[in-house]
């Protein structure tokens, strides 16, 4: 610096500093103006686990506001939300939602019927849809999985013993005999050896049909005593 003159570097530094100050000031003003816009509404939820301040408030998937504050009131979670120019009606609904399975929580709002009166600013949205708690959902899935495992163990024990094996064998034999009897009858009919009227008049054919029906009845009684898995296994044994 010579003769009291400010160097070029100092001038540049001052300009940069002034620019940074102006940038911060404008950002503050813009954010303040944004916060001033919109209307505050409240809602009471049984739980807002995972929801944070400044989370989105959305209508039909479109962001229309932000969560301003979260607190407690009468043992429930109270949420203050600021919504922009969208008008809400007295039958408006709200719920805590999640983007995807493990996404961020947000507030979903349904404005209500256009024919209903408008909801005054600062009012509470009374219609709240309770979102299922993820921990409870996982616990329910775990209980269902345990139930399926217990069922599989019970079925395995039921068909694994000697009594179960004998019952399956008897069922297969009865079904096989019944199938053979029906095949014999249908063969005679297809060969023209008799019609439905001949079935009644032909004594031998009648007795064969009666015998087959008794076997089928016995097989049906055996089916009622078996589990679905043993029935499927028995039917498969007729063809393999």
Protein backbone atom coordinates (compact mmCIF):
# COMPACT_ATOMS: atom_id res chain seq x y z
CA UNK A 1 0.00 0.00 0.00
CA UNK A 2 1.53 3.35 -1.12
CA UNK A 3 0.39 6.92 -0.45
CA UNK A 4 -2.74 5.73 1.40
CA UNK A 5 -4.06 3.87 -1.69
CA UNK A 6 -6.03 0.64 -1.16
CA UNK A 7 -4.54 -2.31 -2.98
CA UNK A 8 -6.47 -4.26 -5.59
CA UNK A 9 -6.44 -7.37 -3.39
CA UNK A 10 -8.04 -5.46 -0.53
CA UNK A 11 -10.75 -4.10 -2.83
CA UNK A 12 -11.55 -7.59 -4.09
CA UNK A 13 -11.69 -8.90 -0.52
CA UNK A 14 -14.08 -6.15 0.55
CA UNK A 15 -16.36 -6.80 -2.44
CA UNK A 16 -16.45 -10.53 -1.71
CA UNK A 17 -17.26 -9.88 1.94
CA UNK A 18 -20.06 -7.48 1.03
CA UNK A 19 -21.42 -10.00 -1.46
CA UNK A 20 -21.50 -12.75 1.16
CA UNK A 21 -23.28 -10.47 3.64
CA UNK A 22 -25.88 -9.52 1.02
CA UNK A 23 -26.39 -13.18 0.11
CA UNK A 24 -27.05 -14.16 3.73
CA UNK A 25 -29.39 -11.20 4.17
CA UNK A 26 -31.44 -12.04 1.07
CA UNK A 27 -31.63 -15.70 2.05
CA UNK A 28 -32.90 -14.70 5.49
CA UNK A 29 -35.53 -12.37 3.99
CA UNK A 30 -36.73 -14.97 1.50
CA UNK A 31 -37.00 -17.70 4.13
CA UNK A 32 -38.82 -15.29 6.44
CA UNK A 33 -41.29 -14.38 3.71
CA UNK A 34 -41.85 -18.05 2.98
CA UNK A 35 -42.52 -18.73 6.65
CA UNK A 36 -45.01 -15.87 6.75
CA UNK A 37 -47.04 -17.34 3.89
CA UNK A 38 -49.62 -20.01 4.51
CA UNK A 39 -52.16 -20.93 7.17
CA UNK A 40 -51.56 -22.91 10.34
CA UNK A 41 -53.72 -25.97 11.01
CA UNK A 42 -53.36 -28.55 13.75
CA UNK A 43 -54.15 -32.24 14.12
CA UNK A 44 -53.95 -34.79 16.94
CA UNK A 45 -52.45 -38.20 16.18
CA UNK A 46 -52.13 -41.33 18.35
CA UNK A 47 -48.51 -41.52 17.20
CA UNK A 48 -46.21 -39.58 14.87
CA UNK A 49 -43.13 -41.77 15.31
CA UNK A 50 -40.52 -40.84 12.70
CA UNK A 51 -42.15 -37.52 11.77
CA UNK A 52 -39.88 -34.49 12.16
CA UNK A 53 -40.27 -30.72 12.06
CA UNK A 54 -40.07 -29.32 8.52
CA UNK A 55 -41.42 -32.55 7.03
CA UNK A 56 -43.60 -32.11 3.97
CA UNK A 57 -47.35 -31.64 4.04
CA UNK A 58 -48.76 -33.06 0.82
CA UNK A 59 -52.07 -33.12 -1.03
CA UNK A 60 -52.40 -35.80 -3.71
CA UNK A 61 -48.62 -36.26 -3.62
CA UNK A 62 -47.90 -32.54 -4.17
CA UNK A 63 -46.07 -30.63 -1.39
CA UNK A 64 -48.25 -27.76 -0.13
CA UNK A 65 -46.68 -26.99 3.23
CA UNK A 66 -44.41 -27.97 6.10
CA UNK A 67 -44.67 -29.32 9.62
CA UNK A 68 -44.00 -26.32 11.87
CA UNK A 69 -44.09 -27.90 15.32
CA UNK A 70 -44.72 -31.21 17.10
CA UNK A 71 -45.87 -31.44 20.70
CA UNK A 72 -48.05 -33.31 23.18
CA UNK A 73 -51.65 -32.66 24.16
CA UNK A 74 -53.76 -34.96 26.35
CA UNK A 75 -51.43 -37.87 25.75
CA UNK A 76 -51.56 -37.51 21.97
CA UNK A 77 -49.14 -36.06 19.44
CA UNK A 78 -50.16 -32.61 18.27
CA UNK A 79 -48.84 -31.41 14.93
CA UNK A 80 -48.85 -27.80 13.74
CA UNK A 81 -48.70 -27.65 9.96
CA UNK A 82 -48.48 -24.64 7.68
CA UNK A 83 -50.29 -25.01 4.39
CA UNK A 84 -50.01 -22.59 1.47
CA UNK A 85 -52.84 -21.22 -0.62
CA UNK A 86 -54.82 -24.48 -0.64
CA UNK A 87 -58.18 -24.12 1.09
CA UNK A 88 -59.34 -26.84 3.46
CA UNK A 89 -62.93 -27.70 4.28
CA UNK A 90 -64.51 -28.82 7.56
CA UNK A 91 -64.52 -32.46 6.41
CA UNK A 92 -60.80 -32.44 5.60
CA UNK A 93 -58.77 -35.51 6.58
CA UNK A 94 -55.13 -36.01 7.46
CA UNK A 95 -52.75 -38.91 8.10
CA UNK A 96 -49.08 -39.64 8.69
CA UNK A 97 -47.65 -41.44 5.66
CA UNK A 98 -44.30 -42.83 4.56
CA UNK A 99 -42.58 -42.47 1.19
CA UNK A 100 -41.98 -46.11 0.26
CA UNK A 101 -41.30 -48.76 2.89
CA UNK A 102 -38.40 -47.08 4.69
CA UNK A 103 -38.77 -43.53 3.37
CA UNK A 104 -39.31 -40.23 5.16
CA UNK A 105 -42.54 -39.57 7.03
CA UNK A 106 -44.84 -36.80 5.85
CA UNK A 107 -48.36 -35.49 6.47
CA UNK A 108 -50.99 -36.28 3.87
CA UNK A 109 -54.04 -34.00 3.76
CA UNK A 110 -57.31 -34.46 1.91
CA UNK A 111 -58.93 -31.02 1.49
CA UNK A 112 -62.48 -32.31 1.84
CA UNK A 113 -65.62 -31.80 -0.21
CA UNK A 114 -65.79 -28.54 -2.20
CA UNK A 115 -69.43 -28.18 -1.14
CA UNK A 116 -68.56 -28.24 2.57
CA UNK A 117 -67.84 -25.01 4.50
CA UNK A 118 -64.25 -23.80 4.65
CA UNK A 119 -62.13 -24.70 7.66
CA UNK A 120 -61.12 -21.48 9.48
CA UNK A 121 -57.38 -20.77 9.82
CA UNK A 122 -55.89 -22.15 13.01
CA UNK A 123 -58.55 -24.86 13.26
CA UNK A 124 -57.94 -28.47 14.19
CA UNK A 125 -58.42 -31.15 11.52
CA UNK A 126 -60.61 -33.61 13.40
CA UNK A 127 -60.65 -36.46 10.89
CA UNK A 128 -57.38 -38.31 11.40
CA UNK A 129 -56.50 -41.65 9.84
CA UNK A 130 -54.29 -43.73 12.11
CA UNK A 131 -51.32 -45.20 10.27
CA UNK A 132 -50.30 -48.76 11.22
CA UNK A 133 -47.24 -48.85 13.45
CA UNK A 134 -44.31 -50.56 11.72
CA UNK A 135 -43.22 -52.34 14.89
CA UNK A 136 -46.71 -53.75 15.38
CA UNK A 137 -46.82 -54.83 11.74
CA UNK A 138 -43.49 -56.66 12.03
CA UNK A 139 -44.66 -58.32 15.25
CA UNK A 140 -47.83 -59.52 13.50
CA UNK A 141 -45.80 -60.94 10.61
CA UNK A 142 -43.51 -62.71 13.07
CA UNK A 143 -46.51 -64.22 14.88
CA UNK A 144 -47.97 -65.39 11.56
CA UNK A 145 -44.66 -67.00 10.59
CA UNK A 146 -44.49 -68.81 13.93
CA UNK A 147 -48.05 -70.04 13.44
CA UNK A 148 -47.18 -71.45 10.02
CA UNK A 149 -44.14 -73.19 11.48
CA UNK A 150 -46.25 -74.73 14.25
CA UNK A 151 -48.81 -75.89 11.68
CA UNK A 152 -46.10 -77.52 9.60
CA UNK A 153 -44.77 -79.32 12.68
CA UNK A 154 -48.25 -80.56 13.58
CA UNK A 155 -48.87 -81.87 10.06
CA UNK A 156 -45.50 -83.59 10.03
CA UNK A 157 -46.28 -85.31 13.32
CA UNK A 158 -49.76 -86.28 12.12
CA UNK A 159 -48.58 -88.05 8.98
CA UNK A 160 -45.22 -89.23 10.26
CA UNK A 161 -46.45 -91.90 12.69
CA UNK A 162 -47.31 -95.50 11.94
CA UNK A 163 -51.03 -94.84 12.29
CA UNK A 164 -50.86 -92.04 9.74
CA UNK A 165 -48.97 -94.20 7.26
CA UNK A 166 -51.50 -97.04 7.54
CA UNK A 167 -54.40 -94.63 7.08
CA UNK A 168 -52.81 -93.23 3.93
CA UNK A 169 -52.21 -96.73 2.52
CA UNK A 170 -55.83 -97.73 3.18
CA UNK A 171 -57.09 -94.55 1.59
CA UNK A 172 -54.99 -95.08 -1.52
CA UNK A 173 -56.20 -98.68 -1.87
CA UNK A 174 -59.86 -97.65 -1.54
CA UNK A 175 -59.50 -94.86 -4.08
CA UNK A 176 -57.65 -97.13 -6.48
CA UNK A 177 -60.34 -99.84 -6.25
CA UNK A 178 -63.08 -97.27 -6.72
CA UNK A 179 -61.32 -95.86 -9.76
CA UNK A 180 -60.93 -99.33 -11.27
CA UNK A 181 -64.62 -100.09 -10.71
CA UNK A 182 -65.71 -96.89 -12.38
CA UNK A 183 -63.40 -97.57 -15.28
CA UNK A 184 -64.95 -101.01 -15.79
CA UNK A 185 -68.47 -99.57 -15.81
CA UNK A 186 -67.63 -96.77 -18.23
CA UNK A 187 -65.91 -99.27 -20.51
CA UNK A 188 -69.08 -101.36 -20.75
CA UNK A 189 -71.18 -98.31 -21.45
CA UNK A 190 -68.80 -97.01 -24.12
CA UNK A 191 -68.85 -100.41 -25.88
CA UNK A 192 -72.58 -100.26 -26.23
CA UNK A 193 -73.16 -103.04 -23.76
CA UNK A 194 -75.66 -100.97 -21.90
CA UNK A 195 -77.25 -97.57 -21.36
CA UNK A 196 -78.59 -96.07 -18.19
CA UNK A 197 -81.63 -98.26 -18.59
CA UNK A 198 -79.45 -101.35 -19.07
CA UNK A 199 -77.59 -100.42 -15.90
CA UNK A 200 -80.79 -100.99 -13.99
CA UNK A 201 -81.87 -104.14 -15.84
CA UNK A 202 -78.47 -105.86 -15.93
CA UNK A 203 -78.22 -107.42 -12.46
CA UNK A 204 -74.48 -108.08 -12.63
CA UNK A 205 -73.74 -104.53 -13.80
CA UNK A 206 -76.03 -103.20 -11.09
CA UNK A 207 -74.15 -105.11 -8.39
CA UNK A 208 -70.82 -103.86 -9.74
CA UNK A 209 -72.05 -100.29 -9.56
CA UNK A 210 -73.37 -100.79 -6.05
CA UNK A 211 -70.07 -102.31 -4.94
CA UNK A 212 -68.16 -99.41 -6.47
CA UNK A 213 -70.37 -96.83 -4.77
CA UNK A 214 -69.77 -98.47 -1.39
CA UNK A 215 -66.02 -98.31 -1.96
CA UNK A 216 -66.28 -94.66 -2.90
CA UNK A 217 -68.30 -93.96 0.24
CA UNK A 218 -65.67 -95.69 2.35
CA UNK A 219 -62.95 -93.72 0.59
CA UNK A 220 -64.82 -90.47 1.22
CA UNK A 221 -65.03 -91.29 4.92
CA UNK A 222 -61.28 -91.79 4.91
CA UNK A 223 -60.80 -88.46 3.16
CA UNK A 224 -62.72 -86.63 5.88
CA UNK A 225 -60.29 -87.93 8.48
CA UNK A 226 -57.17 -86.82 6.61
CA UNK A 227 -55.43 -83.48 6.38
CA UNK A 228 -55.25 -81.58 3.06
CA UNK A 229 -51.63 -82.64 2.58
CA UNK A 230 -52.33 -86.36 3.02
CA UNK A 231 -55.28 -86.10 0.63
CA UNK A 232 -53.14 -84.52 -2.07
CA UNK A 233 -50.48 -87.16 -1.56
CA UNK A 234 -53.01 -89.95 -1.82
CA UNK A 235 -54.56 -88.60 -5.01
CA UNK A 236 -51.12 -88.17 -6.54
CA UNK A 237 -50.43 -91.84 -5.76
CA UNK A 238 -53.22 -92.87 -8.11
CA UNK A 239 -51.39 -91.45 -11.10
CA UNK A 240 -47.69 -92.00 -10.28
